[in-house]
N, C-alpha and C. Protein backbone atom coordinates (compact mmCIF):
# COMPACT_ATOMS: atom_id res chain seq x y z
N MET A 1 -36.40 51.81 -102.88
CA MET A 1 -37.03 52.65 -103.44
C MET A 1 -38.36 51.65 -104.07
N ASP A 2 -38.27 50.27 -103.89
CA ASP A 2 -39.16 49.44 -104.53
C ASP A 2 -40.28 49.15 -103.18
N ALA A 3 -39.78 49.38 -102.02
CA ALA A 3 -40.68 49.58 -100.67
C ALA A 3 -41.99 50.88 -101.03
N LEU A 4 -41.12 52.07 -101.49
CA LEU A 4 -42.14 53.15 -101.45
C LEU A 4 -43.01 53.27 -102.58
N ASP A 5 -42.58 52.64 -103.76
CA ASP A 5 -43.39 52.50 -105.19
C ASP A 5 -44.56 51.43 -104.44
N GLY A 6 -44.23 50.39 -103.97
CA GLY A 6 -45.26 49.43 -103.64
C GLY A 6 -46.39 50.02 -102.56
N LEU A 7 -45.88 50.80 -101.64
CA LEU A 7 -46.64 51.40 -100.82
C LEU A 7 -47.42 52.51 -101.50
N LEU A 8 -46.85 53.16 -102.46
CA LEU A 8 -47.83 54.24 -103.28
C LEU A 8 -48.79 53.34 -104.07
N ARG A 9 -48.11 52.77 -104.75
CA ARG A 9 -49.37 51.71 -105.77
C ARG A 9 -50.61 51.00 -104.73
N ASP A 10 -50.07 50.78 -103.70
CA ASP A 10 -51.16 50.09 -102.48
C ASP A 10 -52.13 51.41 -102.07
N ALA A 11 -51.60 52.56 -102.00
CA ALA A 11 -52.70 53.21 -101.49
C ALA A 11 -53.28 54.14 -102.39
N LEU A 12 -52.80 54.19 -103.78
CA LEU A 12 -53.72 54.50 -104.93
C LEU A 12 -54.94 53.40 -105.23
N MET A 13 -54.39 52.18 -104.97
CA MET A 13 -55.43 51.18 -105.24
C MET A 13 -56.49 51.11 -104.31
N THR A 14 -56.21 51.40 -103.08
CA THR A 14 -57.05 51.36 -101.82
C THR A 14 -58.06 52.82 -102.03
N THR A 15 -57.45 54.08 -102.34
CA THR A 15 -58.25 54.98 -102.58
C THR A 15 -59.38 54.86 -103.71
N ALA A 16 -58.98 54.33 -104.48
CA ALA A 16 -59.93 53.87 -105.88
C ALA A 16 -60.82 52.89 -105.43
N THR A 17 -60.34 51.84 -104.67
CA THR A 17 -61.55 51.00 -104.10
C THR A 17 -62.52 51.58 -103.42
N ILE A 18 -61.90 52.35 -102.38
CA ILE A 18 -62.99 53.14 -101.54
C ILE A 18 -63.86 54.02 -102.36
N SER A 19 -63.36 54.76 -103.02
CA SER A 19 -64.42 55.82 -103.80
C SER A 19 -65.01 55.85 -104.68
N LEU A 20 -64.78 54.56 -105.39
CA LEU A 20 -65.23 54.45 -106.58
C LEU A 20 -66.84 54.05 -106.45
N PRO A 21 -67.26 52.89 -105.33
CA PRO A 21 -68.58 52.94 -105.30
C PRO A 21 -69.58 53.79 -104.68
N ILE A 22 -68.70 55.00 -103.75
CA ILE A 22 -69.53 55.83 -103.01
C ILE A 22 -69.91 56.87 -104.70
N LEU A 23 -68.60 57.12 -105.49
CA LEU A 23 -69.04 58.14 -106.58
C LEU A 23 -69.86 57.17 -107.56
N GLY A 24 -69.96 56.14 -107.79
CA GLY A 24 -70.86 55.39 -108.70
C GLY A 24 -72.15 55.61 -108.21
N ALA A 25 -72.37 55.40 -107.03
CA ALA A 25 -73.77 55.49 -106.36
C ALA A 25 -74.34 57.34 -106.77
N ALA A 26 -73.22 57.89 -106.47
CA ALA A 26 -74.22 59.26 -106.19
C ALA A 26 -74.14 59.73 -107.66
N ALA A 27 -73.38 59.11 -108.76
CA ALA A 27 -73.35 59.37 -110.16
C ALA A 27 -74.97 59.03 -110.51
N LEU A 28 -75.15 57.49 -110.20
CA LEU A 28 -76.35 56.75 -110.64
C LEU A 28 -77.71 57.72 -110.18
N VAL A 29 -77.46 58.06 -108.97
CA VAL A 29 -78.62 58.54 -108.49
C VAL A 29 -78.83 60.21 -109.06
N GLY A 30 -77.51 60.78 -108.95
CA GLY A 30 -78.19 61.94 -109.74
C GLY A 30 -78.04 62.05 -111.38
N THR A 31 -78.06 61.11 -111.91
CA THR A 31 -78.42 61.08 -113.41
C THR A 31 -79.82 60.62 -113.47
N ALA A 32 -80.29 59.67 -112.18
CA ALA A 32 -81.92 59.68 -112.58
C ALA A 32 -82.65 60.72 -111.90
N VAL A 33 -82.12 61.37 -110.96
CA VAL A 33 -83.03 62.64 -110.78
C VAL A 33 -82.87 63.68 -111.70
N ALA A 34 -81.72 63.85 -112.53
CA ALA A 34 -81.84 64.86 -113.56
C ALA A 34 -82.75 64.49 -114.75
N VAL A 35 -82.71 63.27 -114.70
CA VAL A 35 -83.87 62.57 -115.87
C VAL A 35 -85.28 63.00 -115.75
N LEU A 36 -85.40 62.53 -113.93
CA LEU A 36 -87.02 62.60 -113.42
C LEU A 36 -87.19 64.11 -113.65
N GLN A 37 -85.95 65.56 -113.42
CA GLN A 37 -86.34 66.69 -113.43
C GLN A 37 -86.76 67.18 -114.83
N ALA A 38 -85.67 66.60 -115.74
CA ALA A 38 -86.23 66.89 -117.27
C ALA A 38 -87.74 66.45 -117.57
N ALA A 39 -88.10 65.33 -116.98
CA ALA A 39 -89.10 65.01 -117.61
C ALA A 39 -90.54 65.48 -117.05
N THR A 40 -90.27 66.02 -115.71
CA THR A 40 -91.48 66.81 -115.02
C THR A 40 -91.12 68.51 -115.20
N GLN A 41 -90.02 68.70 -115.38
CA GLN A 41 -89.74 69.94 -115.68
C GLN A 41 -89.60 70.87 -114.58
N VAL A 42 -89.19 70.07 -113.26
CA VAL A 42 -89.19 70.76 -111.98
C VAL A 42 -88.25 70.85 -111.71
N GLN A 43 -87.25 72.36 -111.76
CA GLN A 43 -85.99 72.66 -111.67
C GLN A 43 -85.23 72.80 -110.17
N GLU A 44 -85.96 72.36 -109.15
CA GLU A 44 -85.71 72.79 -107.46
C GLU A 44 -84.37 72.14 -107.24
N GLN A 45 -83.42 72.79 -107.13
CA GLN A 45 -81.73 72.47 -106.76
C GLN A 45 -81.75 71.40 -105.48
N THR A 46 -82.91 71.65 -104.30
CA THR A 46 -82.78 70.92 -103.51
C THR A 46 -83.02 69.52 -103.33
N LEU A 47 -83.72 69.43 -104.57
CA LEU A 47 -83.98 67.66 -105.12
C LEU A 47 -82.96 67.20 -105.61
N THR A 48 -81.88 67.67 -105.88
CA THR A 48 -80.82 66.82 -106.46
C THR A 48 -79.87 66.61 -105.28
N LEU A 49 -80.19 67.43 -104.15
CA LEU A 49 -79.03 67.49 -103.09
C LEU A 49 -79.41 65.94 -102.35
N LEU A 50 -80.46 65.87 -101.72
CA LEU A 50 -80.86 65.20 -100.62
C LEU A 50 -81.00 63.72 -101.17
N PRO A 51 -81.53 63.22 -102.33
CA PRO A 51 -81.21 62.02 -102.86
C PRO A 51 -79.78 61.23 -102.74
N LYS A 52 -78.91 62.31 -103.48
CA LYS A 52 -77.18 61.85 -103.19
C LYS A 52 -76.69 61.80 -102.11
N ILE A 53 -77.02 62.92 -101.19
CA ILE A 53 -76.55 62.60 -99.78
C ILE A 53 -77.22 61.03 -98.97
N VAL A 54 -78.56 60.89 -99.47
CA VAL A 54 -79.02 59.74 -98.87
C VAL A 54 -78.43 58.21 -99.36
N ALA A 55 -78.05 58.39 -100.76
CA ALA A 55 -77.17 57.56 -101.23
C ALA A 55 -76.12 57.16 -101.19
N VAL A 56 -75.06 58.16 -100.79
CA VAL A 56 -73.77 57.96 -100.44
C VAL A 56 -74.03 57.40 -99.12
N ALA A 57 -74.95 58.07 -98.25
CA ALA A 57 -74.95 57.59 -96.65
C ALA A 57 -74.91 55.85 -96.91
N LEU A 58 -75.99 55.64 -97.64
CA LEU A 58 -76.31 54.17 -97.51
C LEU A 58 -75.01 53.38 -98.26
N THR A 59 -74.63 53.95 -99.01
CA THR A 59 -72.90 53.32 -99.68
C THR A 59 -71.85 53.03 -98.58
N VAL A 60 -71.77 54.05 -98.31
CA VAL A 60 -70.96 54.12 -96.84
C VAL A 60 -71.51 53.30 -95.83
N ALA A 61 -72.46 52.96 -95.03
CA ALA A 61 -73.11 52.16 -94.29
C ALA A 61 -72.82 50.74 -94.84
N LEU A 62 -73.08 50.56 -96.15
CA LEU A 62 -73.08 49.16 -96.78
C LEU A 62 -71.50 48.84 -96.70
N PHE A 63 -70.64 49.49 -97.54
CA PHE A 63 -69.42 49.28 -97.76
C PHE A 63 -68.48 49.89 -96.54
N GLY A 64 -68.81 50.26 -95.27
CA GLY A 64 -68.04 50.65 -94.07
C GLY A 64 -67.22 49.76 -93.42
N GLU A 65 -67.42 48.41 -93.23
CA GLU A 65 -66.67 47.45 -92.93
C GLU A 65 -65.48 47.14 -93.98
N THR A 66 -65.71 47.05 -94.94
CA THR A 66 -65.09 46.63 -95.88
C THR A 66 -64.10 47.52 -96.20
N THR A 67 -64.46 48.94 -96.10
CA THR A 67 -63.73 50.15 -96.16
C THR A 67 -62.55 49.98 -94.85
N MET A 68 -63.15 49.87 -93.92
CA MET A 68 -61.85 49.64 -92.61
C MET A 68 -61.13 48.77 -92.78
N HIS A 69 -61.63 47.38 -93.59
CA HIS A 69 -60.46 46.63 -93.55
C HIS A 69 -59.30 46.99 -94.52
N LEU A 70 -59.90 47.30 -95.81
CA LEU A 70 -58.75 47.79 -96.46
C LEU A 70 -57.99 48.80 -96.07
N LEU A 71 -58.54 49.97 -95.08
CA LEU A 71 -57.40 50.63 -94.54
C LEU A 71 -56.47 50.16 -93.69
N GLN A 72 -57.26 49.29 -92.45
CA GLN A 72 -56.32 48.30 -91.54
C GLN A 72 -55.15 47.86 -92.55
N HIS A 73 -55.70 47.24 -93.58
CA HIS A 73 -54.43 46.14 -94.45
C HIS A 73 -53.31 47.65 -94.73
N LEU A 74 -54.10 48.57 -95.20
CA LEU A 74 -53.07 49.62 -95.87
C LEU A 74 -52.11 49.87 -94.61
N PHE A 75 -52.62 50.57 -93.50
CA PHE A 75 -52.05 50.97 -92.52
C PHE A 75 -51.01 49.63 -91.88
N GLU A 76 -51.30 48.34 -92.19
CA GLU A 76 -50.54 47.55 -91.43
C GLU A 76 -49.12 47.48 -92.30
N SER A 77 -49.33 47.58 -94.07
CA SER A 77 -48.39 47.63 -95.25
C SER A 77 -47.41 48.45 -94.66
N ALA A 78 -48.21 49.92 -94.39
CA ALA A 78 -47.41 50.87 -94.17
C ALA A 78 -46.28 51.27 -93.03
N THR A 79 -46.57 50.57 -91.98
CA THR A 79 -45.89 50.33 -90.69
C THR A 79 -45.19 49.29 -91.26
N ALA A 80 -45.37 48.32 -91.89
CA ALA A 80 -44.33 46.89 -92.05
C ALA A 80 -43.23 47.67 -92.94
N ALA A 81 -43.35 48.41 -93.58
CA ALA A 81 -42.62 48.96 -94.60
C ALA A 81 -41.56 50.01 -94.28
N ILE A 82 -41.76 50.43 -92.87
CA ILE A 82 -41.05 51.65 -92.44
C ILE A 82 -39.54 51.12 -92.16
N PRO A 83 -39.07 50.02 -91.92
CA PRO A 83 -37.40 49.73 -92.12
C PRO A 83 -37.21 49.98 -93.36
N ALA A 84 -37.59 49.56 -94.32
CA ALA A 84 -37.34 49.19 -95.90
C ALA A 84 -37.17 50.74 -96.73
N LEU A 85 -38.19 51.53 -95.81
CA LEU A 85 -38.22 53.07 -96.35
C LEU A 85 -37.01 54.03 -95.61
N THR A 86 -36.51 53.42 -94.36
CA THR A 86 -35.63 54.38 -93.50
C THR A 86 -34.26 54.11 -94.05
N ARG A 87 -33.84 52.76 -94.96
CA ARG A 87 -32.57 52.36 -95.23
C ARG A 87 -32.08 53.29 -96.09
N TRP A 88 -30.44 53.50 -95.87
CA TRP A 88 -30.02 54.13 -96.83
C TRP A 88 -29.58 53.49 -97.94
């Protein structure tokens, strides 16, 4: 049961580590666009979507290699834990 707890903790930490930079970039860009729209009183919905997509794409491009290393480590941990998980 300890192996499963450790594996679940590692999976949750990996998920948080991967998603927080992407969510942070989208939130920052969304806030900046909202302030700009409020200041200029231009309420076009398409203006909010494109900068967020660009910010998320740039964040994925910048952190993609690190993300793949984290996922590789999680996969290796999960495959190494298989014998401990299948023991009765």
